[in-house]
PDB file of N, CA and C in Angstrom:
ATOM      1  N   LYS A   1     179.454  94.839  40.728  1.00  0.00           N
ATOM      2  CA  LYS A   1     178.711  95.909  40.107  1.00  0.00           C
ATOM      3  C   LYS A   1     178.426  95.526  38.656  1.00  0.00           C
ATOM      4  N   LYS A   2     177.332  96.056  38.116  1.00  0.00           N
ATOM      5  CA  LYS A   2     177.027  95.785  36.726  1.00  0.00           C
ATOM      6  C   LYS A   2     176.395  97.013  36.089  1.00  0.00           C
ATOM      7  N   ALA A   3     176.515  97.069  34.781  1.00  0.00           N
ATOM      8  CA  ALA A   3     175.940  98.169  34.008  1.00  0.00           C
ATOM      9  C   ALA A   3     175.441  97.600  32.686  1.00  0.00           C
ATOM     10  N   HIS A   4     174.582  98.338  32.045  1.00  0.00           N
ATOM     11  CA  HIS A   4     174.061  97.932  30.741  1.00  0.00           C
ATOM     12  C   HIS A   4     174.602  98.881  29.683  1.00  0.00           C
ATOM     13  N   VAL A   5     175.042  98.312  28.584  1.00  0.00           N
ATOM     14  CA  VAL A   5     175.572  99.097  27.469  1.00  0.00           C
ATOM     15  C   VAL A   5     174.692  98.829  26.260  1.00  0.00           C
ATOM     16  N   LYS A   6     174.252  99.913  25.632  1.00  0.00           N
ATOM     17  CA  LYS A   6     173.417  99.801  24.442  1.00  0.00           C
ATOM     18  C   LYS A   6     174.074 100.572  23.315  1.00  0.00           C
ATOM     19  N   CYS A   7     174.020 100.003  22.140  1.00  0.00           N
ATOM     20  CA  CYS A   7     174.582 100.644  20.964  1.00  0.00           C
ATOM     21  C   CYS A   7     173.445 100.891  19.963  1.00  0.00           C
ATOM     22  N   PHE A   8     173.306 102.145  19.538  1.00  0.00           N
ATOM     23  CA  PHE A   8     172.229 102.528  18.618  1.00  0.00           C
ATOM     24  C   PHE A   8     172.807 103.022  17.301  1.00  0.00           C
ATOM     25  N   THR A   9     172.009 102.982  16.289  1.00  0.00           N
ATOM     26  CA  THR A   9     172.318 103.621  15.011  1.00  0.00           C
ATOM     27  C   THR A   9     171.120 104.467  14.622  1.00  0.00           C
ATOM     28  N   ARG A  10     171.364 105.461  13.807  1.00  0.00           N
ATOM     29  CA  ARG A  10     170.282 106.308  13.320  1.00  0.00           C
ATOM     30  C   ARG A  10     170.043 105.939  11.858  1.00  0.00           C
ATOM     31  N   TYR A  11     168.814 105.543  11.566  1.00  0.00           N
ATOM     32  CA  TYR A  11     168.445 105.148  10.210  1.00  0.00           C
ATOM     33  C   TYR A  11     167.118 105.809   9.863  1.00  0.00           C
ATOM     34  N   LEU A  12     167.119 106.521   8.789  1.00  0.00           N
ATOM     35  CA  LEU A  12     165.938 107.248   8.320  1.00  0.00           C
ATOM     36  C   LEU A  12     165.358 108.141   9.418  1.00  0.00           C
ATOM     37  N   GLY A  13     166.271 108.786  10.154  1.00  0.00           N
ATOM     38  CA  GLY A  13     165.849 109.723  11.171  1.00  0.00           C
ATOM     39  C   GLY A  13     165.410 109.111  12.486  1.00  0.00           C
ATOM     40  N   LYS A  14     165.485 107.794  12.616  1.00  0.00           N
ATOM     41  CA  LYS A  14     165.066 107.133  13.853  1.00  0.00           C
ATOM     42  C   LYS A  14     166.230 106.340  14.442  1.00  0.00           C
ATOM     43  N   GLU A  15     166.292 106.325  15.793  1.00  0.00           N
ATOM     44  CA  GLU A  15     167.292 105.506  16.462  1.00  0.00           C
ATOM     45  C   GLU A  15     166.832 104.056  16.484  1.00  0.00           C
ATOM     46  N   GLN A  16     167.776 103.157  16.184  1.00  0.00           N
ATOM     47  CA  GLN A  16     167.473 101.725  16.239  1.00  0.00           C
ATOM     48  C   GLN A  16     168.546 101.039  17.073  1.00  0.00           C
ATOM     49  N   LEU A  17     168.109 100.166  17.947  1.00  0.00           N
ATOM     50  CA  LEU A  17     169.018  99.431  18.824  1.00  0.00           C
ATOM     51  C   LEU A  17     169.753  98.366  18.023  1.00  0.00           C
ATOM     52  N   LEU A  18     171.089  98.415  18.061  1.00  0.00           N
ATOM     53  CA  LEU A  18     171.895  97.394  17.383  1.00  0.00           C
ATOM     54  C   LEU A  18     172.225  96.235  18.315  1.00  0.00           C
ATOM     55  N   VAL A  19     172.650  96.567  19.526  1.00  0.00           N
ATOM     56  CA  VAL A  19     173.047  95.523  20.472  1.00  0.00           C
ATOM     57  C   VAL A  19     172.868  96.051  21.893  1.00  0.00           C
ATOM     58  N   HIS A  20     172.614  95.123  22.812  1.00  0.00           N
ATOM     59  CA  HIS A  20     172.458  95.443  24.229  1.00  0.00           C
ATOM     60  C   HIS A  20     173.201  94.364  25.008  1.00  0.00           C
ATOM     61  N   THR A  21     174.045  94.768  25.942  1.00  0.00           N
ATOM     62  CA  THR A  21     174.785  93.788  26.734  1.00  0.00           C
ATOM     63  C   THR A  21     174.927  94.283  28.166  1.00  0.00           C
ATOM     64  N   GLU A  22     175.242  93.365  29.044  1.00  0.00           N
ATOM     65  CA  GLU A  22     175.471  93.682  30.448  1.00  0.00           C
ATOM     66  C   GLU A  22     176.961  93.545  30.734  1.00  0.00           C
ATOM     67  N   VAL A  23     177.525  94.530  31.397  1.00  0.00           N
ATOM     68  CA  VAL A  23     178.945  94.517  31.748  1.00  0.00           C
ATOM     69  C   VAL A  23     179.042  94.415  33.264  1.00  0.00           C
ATOM     70  N   LYS A  24     179.842  93.456  33.736  1.00  0.00           N
ATOM     71  CA  LYS A  24     180.043  93.279  35.173  1.00  0.00           C
ATOM     72  C   LYS A  24     181.496  93.604  35.516  1.00  0.00           C
ATOM     73  N   SER A  25     181.689  94.148  36.705  1.00  0.00           N
ATOM     74  CA  SER A  25     183.047  94.417  37.171  1.00  0.00           C
ATOM     75  C   SER A  25     183.215  93.791  38.551  1.00  0.00           C
ATOM     76  N   GLY A  26     184.419  93.480  38.876  1.00  0.00           N
ATOM     77  CA  GLY A  26     184.705  92.886  40.172  1.00  0.00           C
ATOM     78  C   GLY A  26     186.184  92.628  40.313  1.00  0.00           C
ATOM     79  N   PHE A  27     186.511  91.786  41.282  1.00  0.00           N
ATOM     80  CA  PHE A  27     187.904  91.498  41.595  1.00  0.00           C
ATOM     81  C   PHE A  27     188.109  89.997  41.730  1.00  0.00           C
ATOM     82  N   PRO A  28     189.324  89.527  41.422  1.00  0.00           N
ATOM     83  CA  PRO A  28     189.638  88.139  41.763  1.00  0.00           C
ATOM     84  C   PRO A  28     189.689  88.019  43.292  1.00  0.00           C
ATOM     85  N   PRO A  29     189.478  86.832  43.818  1.00  0.00           N
ATOM     86  CA  PRO A  29     189.465  86.688  45.284  1.00  0.00           C
ATOM     87  C   PRO A  29     190.839  86.883  45.908  1.00  0.00           C
ATOM     88  N   ASP A  30     190.831  87.415  47.124  1.00  0.00           N
ATOM     89  CA  ASP A  30     192.048  87.475  47.937  1.00  0.00           C
ATOM     90  C   ASP A  30     192.305  86.093  48.528  1.00  0.00           C
ATOM     91  N   THR A  31     193.497  85.888  49.032  1.00  0.00           N
ATOM     92  CA  THR A  31     193.828  84.630  49.700  1.00  0.00           C
ATOM     93  C   THR A  31     193.065  84.545  51.020  1.00  0.00           C
ATOM     94  N   PRO A  32     192.266  83.476  51.204  1.00  0.00           N
ATOM     95  CA  PRO A  32     191.553  83.318  52.481  1.00  0.00           C
ATOM     96  C   PRO A  32     192.551  83.187  53.639  1.00  0.00           C
ATOM     97  N   GLY A  33     192.157  83.671  54.787  1.00  0.00           N
ATOM     98  CA  GLY A  33     193.050  83.610  55.944  1.00  0.00           C
ATOM     99  C   GLY A  33     192.288  83.430  57.236  1.00  0.00           C
ATOM    100  N   ASN A  34     193.033  83.382  58.329  1.00  0.00           N
ATOM    101  CA  ASN A  34     192.478  83.308  59.681  1.00  0.00           C
ATOM    102  C   ASN A  34     191.475  82.154  59.826  1.00  0.00           C
ATOM    103  N   ILE A  35     191.883  80.970  59.405  1.00  0.00           N
ATOM    104  CA  ILE A  35     191.010  79.792  59.466  1.00  0.00           C
ATOM    105  C   ILE A  35     190.900  79.315  60.916  1.00  0.00           C
ATOM    106  N   SER A  36     189.676  79.084  61.346  1.00  0.00           N
ATOM    107  CA  SER A  36     189.461  78.489  62.670  1.00  0.00           C
ATOM    108  C   SER A  36     188.341  77.455  62.560  1.00  0.00           C
ATOM    109  N   CYS A  37     188.411  76.427  63.392  1.00  0.00           N
ATOM    110  CA  CYS A  37     187.442  75.335  63.323  1.00  0.00           C
ATOM    111  C   CYS A  37     186.930  74.991  64.717  1.00  0.00           C
ATOM    112  N   PHE A  38     185.681  74.537  64.763  1.00  0.00           N
ATOM    113  CA  PHE A  38     185.031  74.105  65.999  1.00  0.00           C
ATOM    114  C   PHE A  38     184.486  72.705  65.784  1.00  0.00           C
ATOM    115  N   TYR A  39     184.716  71.852  66.771  1.00  0.00           N
ATOM    116  CA  TYR A  39     184.242  70.471  66.689  1.00  0.00           C
ATOM    117  C   TYR A  39     183.141  70.258  67.713  1.00  0.00           C
ATOM    118  N   TYR A  40     181.989  69.843  67.240  1.00  0.00           N
ATOM    119  CA  TYR A  40     180.859  69.490  68.103  1.00  0.00           C
ATOM    120  C   TYR A  40     180.777  67.976  68.106  1.00  0.00           C
ATOM    121  N   PHE A  41     181.084  67.362  69.228  1.00  0.00           N
ATOM    122  CA  PHE A  41     181.290  65.921  69.343  1.00  0.00           C
ATOM    123  C   PHE A  41     180.266  65.105  68.567  1.00  0.00           C
ATOM    124  N   GLU A  42     180.782  64.300  67.631  1.00  0.00           N
ATOM    125  CA  GLU A  42     180.004  63.374  66.796  1.00  0.00           C
ATOM    126  C   GLU A  42     178.799  64.017  66.109  1.00  0.00           C
ATOM    127  N   THR A  43     178.844  65.312  65.882  1.00  0.00           N
ATOM    128  CA  THR A  43     177.734  65.998  65.236  1.00  0.00           C
ATOM    129  C   THR A  43     178.191  66.817  64.047  1.00  0.00           C
ATOM    130  N   GLU A  44     179.156  67.695  64.278  1.00  0.00           N
ATOM    131  CA  GLU A  44     179.500  68.682  63.265  1.00  0.00           C
ATOM    132  C   GLU A  44     180.916  69.207  63.474  1.00  0.00           C
ATOM    133  N   LEU A  45     181.597  69.465  62.376  1.00  0.00           N
ATOM    134  CA  LEU A  45     182.894  70.143  62.372  1.00  0.00           C
ATOM    135  C   LEU A  45     182.733  71.354  61.470  1.00  0.00           C
ATOM    136  N   THR A  46     182.815  72.557  62.025  1.00  0.00           N
ATOM    137  CA  THR A  46     182.595  73.783  61.268  1.00  0.00           C
ATOM    138  C   THR A  46     183.843  74.640  61.285  1.00  0.00           C
ATOM    139  N   CYS A  47     184.221  75.130  60.099  1.00  0.00           N
ATOM    140  CA  CYS A  47     185.370  76.022  59.980  1.00  0.00           C
ATOM    141  C   CYS A  47     184.912  77.358  59.404  1.00  0.00           C
ATOM    142  N   THR A  48     185.568  78.412  59.841  1.00  0.00           N
ATOM    143  CA  THR A  48     185.315  79.755  59.324  1.00  0.00           C
ATOM    144  C   THR A  48     186.653  80.366  58.900  1.00  0.00           C
ATOM    145  N   TRP A  49     186.586  81.412  58.093  1.00  0.00           N
ATOM    146  CA  TRP A  49     187.787  82.085  57.602  1.00  0.00           C
ATOM    147  C   TRP A  49     187.421  83.501  57.183  1.00  0.00           C
ATOM    148  N   THR A  50     188.441  84.298  56.915  1.00  0.00           N
ATOM    149  CA  THR A  50     188.221  85.624  56.355  1.00  0.00           C
ATOM    150  C   THR A  50     188.531  85.562  54.866  1.00  0.00           C
ATOM    151  N   SER A  51     187.734  86.261  54.086  1.00  0.00           N
ATOM    152  CA  SER A  51     187.874  86.173  52.628  1.00  0.00           C
ATOM    153  C   SER A  51     188.571  87.373  52.001  1.00  0.00           C
ATOM    154  N   GLY A  52     188.794  88.426  52.763  1.00  0.00           N
ATOM    155  CA  GLY A  52     189.419  89.620  52.187  1.00  0.00           C
ATOM    156  C   GLY A  52     188.377  90.565  51.614  1.00  0.00           C
ATOM    157  N   ARG A  53     188.782  91.356  50.637  1.00  0.00           N
ATOM    158  CA  ARG A  53     187.871  92.367  50.082  1.00  0.00           C
ATOM    159  C   ARG A  53     186.715  91.721  49.321  1.00  0.00           C
ATOM    160  N   GLU A  54     185.638  92.456  49.217  1.00  0.00           N
ATOM    161  CA  GLU A  54     184.454  92.015  48.466  1.00  0.00           C
ATOM    162  C   GLU A  54     184.819  91.915  46.984  1.00  0.00           C
ATOM    163  N   THR A  55     184.458  90.806  46.357  1.00  0.00           N
ATOM    164  CA  THR A  55     184.792  90.613  44.941  1.00  0.00           C
ATOM    165  C   THR A  55     183.734  91.193  44.001  1.00  0.00           C
ATOM    166  N   ASN A  56     182.515  91.386  44.512  1.00  0.00           N
ATOM    167  CA  ASN A  56     181.370  91.823  43.690  1.00  0.00           C
ATOM    168  C   ASN A  56     180.990  90.800  42.621  1.00  0.00           C
ATOM    169  N   LEU A  57     181.490  89.585  42.744  1.00  0.00           N
ATOM    170  CA  LEU A  57     181.195  88.494  41.819  1.00  0.00           C
ATOM    171  C   LEU A  57     180.866  87.247  42.624  1.00  0.00           C
ATOM    172  N   LYS A  58     180.174  86.304  41.988  1.00  0.00           N
ATOM    173  CA  LYS A  58     179.892  85.019  42.636  1.00  0.00           C
ATOM    174  C   LYS A  58     181.228  84.316  42.899  1.00  0.00           C
ATOM    175  N   THR A  59     181.508  84.082  44.167  1.00  0.00           N
ATOM    176  CA  THR A  59     182.756  83.428  44.563  1.00  0.00           C
ATOM    177  C   THR A  59     182.410  82.171  45.348  1.00  0.00           C
ATOM    178  N   ILE A  60     183.038  81.072  44.970  1.00  0.00           N
ATOM    179  CA  ILE A  60     182.835  79.784  45.640  1.00  0.00           C
ATOM    180  C   ILE A  60     184.079  79.476  46.473  1.00  0.00           C
ATOM    181  N   TYR A  61     183.836  79.096  47.719  1.00  0.00           N
ATOM    182  CA  TYR A  61     184.913  78.715  48.625  1.00  0.00           C
ATOM    183  C   TYR A  61     184.869  77.203  48.828  1.00  0.00           C
ATOM    184  N   THR A  62     186.027  76.561  48.713  1.00  0.00           N
ATOM    185  CA  THR A  62     186.125  75.130  48.976  1.00  0.00           C
ATOM    186  C   THR A  62     187.066  74.929  50.154  1.00  0.00           C
ATOM    187  N   LEU A  63     186.552  74.274  51.187  1.00  0.00           N
ATOM    188  CA  LEU A  63     187.343  73.948  52.367  1.00  0.00           C
ATOM    189  C   LEU A  63     187.852  72.522  52.203  1.00  0.00           C
ATOM    190  N   TYR A  64     189.169  72.356  52.285  1.00  0.00           N
ATOM    191  CA  TYR A  64     189.786  71.033  52.206  1.00  0.00           C
ATOM    192  C   TYR A  64     190.273  70.635  53.591  1.00  0.00           C
ATOM    193  N   ARG A  65     189.948  69.402  53.973  1.00  0.00           N
ATOM    194  CA  ARG A  65     190.385  68.839  55.259  1.00  0.00           C
ATOM    195  C   ARG A  65     191.279  67.656  54.926  1.00  0.00           C
ATOM    196  N   THR A  66     192.550  67.760  55.267  1.00  0.00           N
ATOM    197  CA  THR A  66     193.535  66.736  54.917  1.00  0.00           C
ATOM    198  C   THR A  66     194.066  66.074  56.176  1.00  0.00           C
ATOM    199  N   VAL A  67     194.142  64.746  56.162  1.00  0.00           N
ATOM    200  CA  VAL A  67     194.776  64.010  57.264  1.00  0.00           C
ATOM    201  C   VAL A  67     196.278  64.097  57.030  1.00  0.00           C
ATOM    202  N   MET A  68     196.989  64.760  57.936  1.00  0.00           N
ATOM    203  CA  MET A  68     198.410  65.034  57.713  1.00  0.00           C
ATOM    204  C   MET A  68     199.248  63.767  57.614  1.00  0.00           C
ATOM    205  N   THR A  69     198.847  62.705  58.295  1.00  0.00           N
ATOM    206  CA  THR A  69     199.607  61.456  58.221  1.00  0.00           C
ATOM    207  C   THR A  69     199.297  60.670  56.947  1.00  0.00           C
ATOM    208  N   HIS A  70     198.215  61.040  56.250  1.00  0.00           N
ATOM    209  CA  HIS A  70     197.827  60.418  54.979  1.00  0.00           C
ATOM    210  C   HIS A  70     197.418  61.536  54.013  1.00  0.00           C
ATOM    211  N   PRO A  71     198.387  62.218  53.375  1.00  0.00           N
ATOM    212  CA  PRO A  71     198.092  63.405  52.567  1.00  0.00           C
ATOM    213  C   PRO A  71     197.113  63.169  51.408  1.00  0.00           C
ATOM    214  N   ASN A  72     196.908  61.909  51.022  1.00  0.00           N
ATOM    215  CA  ASN A  72     195.948  61.624  49.951  1.00  0.00           C
ATOM    216  C   ASN A  72     194.518  61.488  50.481  1.00  0.00           C
ATOM    217  N   THR A  73     194.353  61.557  51.803  1.00  0.00           N
ATOM    218  CA  THR A  73     193.026  61.477  52.411  1.00  0.00           C
ATOM    219  C   THR A  73     192.503  62.894  52.611  1.00  0.00           C
ATOM    220  N   VAL A  74     191.664  63.326  51.670  1.00  0.00           N
ATOM    221  CA  VAL A  74     191.162  64.700  51.674  1.00  0.00           C
ATOM    222  C   VAL A  74     189.641  64.691  51.549  1.00  0.00           C
ATOM    223  N   ASP A  75     188.969  65.437  52.416  1.00  0.00           N
ATOM    224  CA  ASP A  75     187.532  65.697  52.300  1.00  0.00           C
ATOM    225  C   ASP A  75     187.370  67.170  51.970  1.00  0.00           C
ATOM    226  N   SER A  76     186.245  67.510  51.363  1.00  0.00           N
ATOM    227  CA  SER A  76     186.013  68.922  51.065  1.00  0.00           C
ATOM    228  C   SER A  76     184.537  69.258  51.178  1.00  0.00           C
ATOM    229  N   CYS A  77     184.266  70.529  51.368  1.00  0.00           N
ATOM    230  CA  CYS A  77     182.906  71.043  51.288  1.00  0.00           C
ATOM    231  C   CYS A  77     182.967  72.416  50.629  1.00  0.00           C
ATOM    232  N   GLN A  78     181.864  72.816  50.002  1.00  0.00           N
ATOM    233  CA  GLN A  78     181.816  74.096  49.295  1.00  0.00           C
ATOM    234  C   GLN A  78     180.804  75.035  49.921  1.00  0.00           C
ATOM    235  N   SER A  79     181.075  76.328  49.768  1.00  0.00           N
ATOM    236  CA  SER A  79     180.222  77.344  50.367  1.00  0.00           C
ATOM    237  C   SER A  79     180.313  78.637  49.564  1.00  0.00           C
ATOM    238  N   LYS A  80     179.280  79.454  49.685  1.00  0.00           N
ATOM    239  CA  LYS A  80     179.297  80.802  49.097  1.00  0.00           C
ATOM    240  C   LYS A  80     179.610  81.845  50.164  1.00  0.00           C
ATOM    241  N   THR A  81     179.816  81.381  51.398  1.00  0.00           N
ATOM    242  CA  THR A  81     180.078  82.278  52.524  1.00  0.00           C
ATOM    243  C   THR A  81     181.418  81.937  53.156  1.00  0.00           C
ATOM    244  N   GLU A  82     181.708  82.543  54.280  1.00  0.00           N
ATOM    245  CA  GLU A  82     182.978  82.339  54.973  1.00  0.00           C
ATOM    246  C   GLU A  82     182.915  81.253  56.032  1.00  0.00           C
ATOM    247  N   SER A  83     182.122  80.203  55.776  1.00  0.00           N
ATOM    248  CA  SER A  83     182.115  79.056  56.684  1.00  0.00           C
ATOM    249  C   SER A  83     181.624  77.825  55.934  1.00  0.00           C
ATOM    250  N   CYS A  84     182.023  76.677  56.446  1.00  0.00           N
ATOM    251  CA  CYS A  84     181.622  75.412  55.840  1.00  0.00           C
ATOM    252  C   CYS A  84     181.661  74.348  56.936  1.00  0.00           C
ATOM    253  N   SER A  85     180.780  73.340  56.810  1.00  0.00           N
ATOM    254  CA  SER A  85     180.678  72.315  57.855  1.00  0.00           C
ATOM    255  C   SER A  85     180.707  70.910  57.280  1.00  0.00           C
ATOM    256  N   PHE A  86     181.295  70.031  58.049  1.00  0.00           N
ATOM    257  CA  PHE A  86     181.212  68.594  57.806  1.00  0.00           C
ATOM    258  C   PHE A  86     180.258  68.054  58.869  1.00  0.00           C
ATOM    259  N   TYR A  87     179.320  67.217  58.458  1.00  0.00           N
ATOM    260  CA  TYR A  87     178.317  66.697  59.383  1.00  0.00           C
ATOM    261  C   TYR A  87     178.495  65.199  59.595  1.00  0.00           C
ATOM    262  N   TYR A  88     177.977  64.694  60.705  1.00  0.00           N
ATOM    263  CA  TYR A  88     178.038  63.278  61.018  1.00  0.00           C
ATOM    264  C   TYR A  88     177.488  62.478  59.836  1.00  0.00           C
ATOM    265  N   PRO A  89     178.134  61.395  59.399  1.00  0.00           N
ATOM    266  CA  PRO A  89     179.289  60.712  59.990  1.00  0.00           C
ATOM    267  C   PRO A  89     180.635  61.236  59.491  1.00  0.00           C
ATOM    268  N   ASN A  90     180.651  62.310  58.700  1.00  0.00           N
ATOM    269  CA  ASN A  90     181.905  62.850  58.168  1.00  0.00           C
ATOM    270  C   ASN A  90     182.534  63.909  59.068  1.00  0.00           C
ATOM    271  N   ALA A  91     182.086  64.000  60.291  1.00  0.00           N
ATOM    272  CA  ALA A  91     182.621  64.995  61.228  1.00  0.00           C
ATOM    273  C   ALA A  91     183.543  64.347  62.247  1.00  0.00           C
ATOM    274  N   SER A  92     184.264  63.334  61.828  1.00  0.00           N
ATOM    275  CA  SER A  92     185.100  62.599  62.778  1.00  0.00           C
ATOM    276  C   SER A  92     186.224  63.474  63.328  1.00  0.00           C
ATOM    277  N   TYR A  93     186.711  63.086  64.495  1.00  0.00           N
ATOM    278  CA  TYR A  93     187.786  63.812  65.162  1.00  0.00           C
ATOM    279  C   TYR A  93     189.099  63.081  64.956  1.00  0.00           C
ATOM    280  N   ILE A  94     190.037  63.764  64.349  1.00  0.00           N
ATOM    281  CA  ILE A  94     191.415  63.285  64.257  1.00  0.00           C
ATOM    282  C   ILE A  94     192.274  64.510  64.532  1.00  0.00           C
ATOM    283  N   SER A  95     193.245  64.393  65.412  1.00  0.00           N
ATOM    284  CA  SER A  95     194.020  65.572  65.805  1.00  0.00           C
ATOM    285  C   SER A  95     195.064  65.968  64.762  1.00  0.00           C
ATOM    286  N   SER A  96     195.191  65.186  63.683  1.00  0.00           N
ATOM    287  CA  SER A  96     196.229  65.498  62.695  1.00  0.00           C
ATOM    288  C   SER A  96     195.655  66.047  61.385  1.00  0.00           C
ATOM    289  N   PHE A  97     194.606  66.840  61.480  1.00  0.00           N
ATOM    290  CA  PHE A  97     194.049  67.496  60.302  1.00  0.00           C
ATOM    291  C   PHE A  97     194.804  68.789  60.000  1.00  0.00           C
ATOM    292  N   CYS A  98     194.862  69.119  58.709  1.00  0.00           N
ATOM    293  CA  CYS A  98     195.175  70.495  58.341  1.00  0.00           C
ATOM    294  C   CYS A  98     194.065  70.957  57.406  1.00  0.00           C
ATOM    295  N   PHE A  99     193.800  72.251  57.415  1.00  0.00           N
ATOM    296  CA  PHE A  99     192.672  72.819  56.682  1.00  0.00           C
ATOM    297  C   PHE A  99     193.177  73.879  55.709  1.00  0.00           C
ATOM    298  N   GLN A 100     192.597  73.864  54.510  1.00  0.00           N
ATOM    299  CA  GLN A 100     192.957  74.816  53.463  1.00  0.00           C
ATOM    300  C   GLN A 100     191.676  75.321  52.807  1.00  0.00           C
ATOM    301  N   VAL A 101     191.641  76.595  52.458  1.00  0.00           N
ATOM    302  CA  VAL A 101     190.485  77.177  51.778  1.00  0.00           C
ATOM    303  C   VAL A 101     190.928  77.709  50.420  1.00  0.00           C
ATOM    304  N   LYS A 102     190.157  77.348  49.380  1.00  0.00           N
ATOM    305  CA  LYS A 102     190.392  77.884  48.046  1.00  0.00           C
ATOM    306  C   LYS A 102     189.194  78.731  47.655  1.00  0.00           C
ATOM    307  N   ALA A 103     189.438  79.955  47.208  1.00  0.00           N
ATOM    308  CA  ALA A 103     188.396  80.864  46.736  1.00  0.00           C
ATOM    309  C   ALA A 103     188.524  80.965  45.214  1.00  0.00           C
ATOM    310  N   LYS A 104     187.373  80.902  44.511  1.00  0.00           N
ATOM    311  CA  LYS A 104     187.431  80.914  43.046  1.00  0.00           C
ATOM    312  C   LYS A 104     186.248  81.702  42.487  1.00  0.00           C
ATOM    313  N   ASN A 105     186.541  82.571  41.516  1.00  0.00           N
ATOM    314  CA  ASN A 105     185.495  83.220  40.732  1.00  0.00           C
ATOM    315  C   ASN A 105     185.970  83.325  39.285  1.00  0.00           C
ATOM    316  N   VAL A 106     185.212  83.998  38.435  1.00  0.00           N
ATOM    317  CA  VAL A 106     185.537  84.032  37.007  1.00  0.00           C
ATOM    318  C   VAL A 106     186.838  84.769  36.710  1.00  0.00           C
ATOM    319  N   LEU A 107     187.328  85.559  37.650  1.00  0.00           N
ATOM    320  CA  LEU A 107     188.563  86.314  37.417  1.00  0.00           C
ATOM    321  C   LEU A 107     189.806  85.648  37.978  1.00  0.00           C
ATOM    322  N   GLY A 108     189.638  84.581  38.762  1.00  0.00           N
ATOM    323  CA  GLY A 108     190.814  83.905  39.295  1.00  0.00           C
ATOM    324  C   GLY A 108     190.513  83.088  40.530  1.00  0.00           C
ATOM    325  N   GLU A 109     191.571  82.623  41.132  1.00  0.00           N
ATOM    326  CA  GLU A 109     191.445  81.834  42.359  1.00  0.00           C
ATOM    327  C   GLU A 109     192.631  82.099  43.264  1.00  0.00           C
ATOM    328  N   ALA A 110     192.434  81.827  44.559  1.00  0.00           N
ATOM    329  CA  ALA A 110     193.483  81.996  45.561  1.00  0.00           C
ATOM    330  C   ALA A 110     193.295  80.926  46.620  1.00  0.00           C
ATOM    331  N   SER A 111     194.404  80.370  47.099  1.00  0.00           N
ATOM    332  CA  SER A 111     194.350  79.314  48.115  1.00  0.00           C
ATOM    333  C   SER A 111     195.189  79.690  49.324  1.00  0.00           C
ATOM    334  N   SER A 112     194.665  79.349  50.488  1.00  0.00           N
ATOM    335  CA  SER A 112     195.435  79.521  51.713  1.00  0.00           C
ATOM    336  C   SER A 112     196.442  78.390  51.825  1.00  0.00           C
ATOM    337  N   ASP A 113     197.368  78.525  52.750  1.00  0.00           N
ATOM    338  CA  ASP A 113     198.228  77.398  53.097  1.00  0.00           C
ATOM    339  C   ASP A 113     197.392  76.381  53.836  1.00  0.00           C
ATOM    340  N   CYS A 114     197.862  75.137  53.890  1.00  0.00           N
ATOM    341  CA  CYS A 114     197.186  74.113  54.682  1.00  0.00           C
ATOM    342  C   CYS A 114     197.618  74.299  56.137  1.00  0.00           C
ATOM    343  N   VAL A 115     196.658  74.692  56.972  1.00  0.00           N
ATOM    344  CA  VAL A 115     196.947  75.091  58.348  1.00  0.00           C
ATOM    345  C   VAL A 115     196.573  73.953  59.306  1.00  0.00           C
ATOM    346  N   PRO A 116     197.546  73.428  60.069  1.00  0.00           N
ATOM    347  CA  PRO A 116     197.185  72.428  61.086  1.00  0.00           C
ATOM    348  C   PRO A 116     196.435  73.091  62.222  1.00  0.00           C
ATOM    349  N   ILE A 117     195.279  72.544  62.556  1.00  0.00           N
ATOM    350  CA  ILE A 117     194.472  73.110  63.623  1.00  0.00           C
ATOM    351  C   ILE A 117     194.140  72.006  64.620  1.00  0.00           C
ATOM    352  N   PRO A 118     194.678  72.098  65.832  1.00  0.00           N
ATOM    353  CA  PRO A 118     194.305  71.102  66.847  1.00  0.00           C
ATOM    354  C   PRO A 118     192.871  71.354  67.287  1.00  0.00           C
ATOM    355  N   LEU A 119     192.086  70.290  67.305  1.00  0.00           N
ATOM    356  CA  LEU A 119     190.674  70.464  67.663  1.00  0.00           C
ATOM    357  C   LEU A 119     190.484  70.233  69.126  1.00  0.00           C
TER     358      LEU A 119
END
C-alpha cells in the first residue's frame, strides 16, 4: 500500500507546498514453505513454493539447488512469483538435490530449510 504526504505552509495568506513524498507500507517476507519440484526429462526442472502472507512490496525469490554430495555445487534462479525453473542444459537430473528458497524485500529476508526432494 502507498500514500502521499504533503506538507504546506501559509505565507501571505496563501498555502505553499513545502514538501511532497510517497509513503509505502508492507511486511517483511514470511519463510517460504511447501517446496515441490517437477522434472521434465532433459527440458526443464520447475519448483514451486508457498510464500505466506502478501508483503505489499516488491519481493524477490531465489531458488537454490544444491547437490547434497557436493555442498559447494549450487545453482540458483530468481523470480518475482512462487515458481522458478532451470532449463536445458541446466535442468540435469541428480537424485541428491536439496532445494531452498530465500525471499527478500526492503524490510527483510527469510529462507526455507534446504529440503531434499527426490525427483
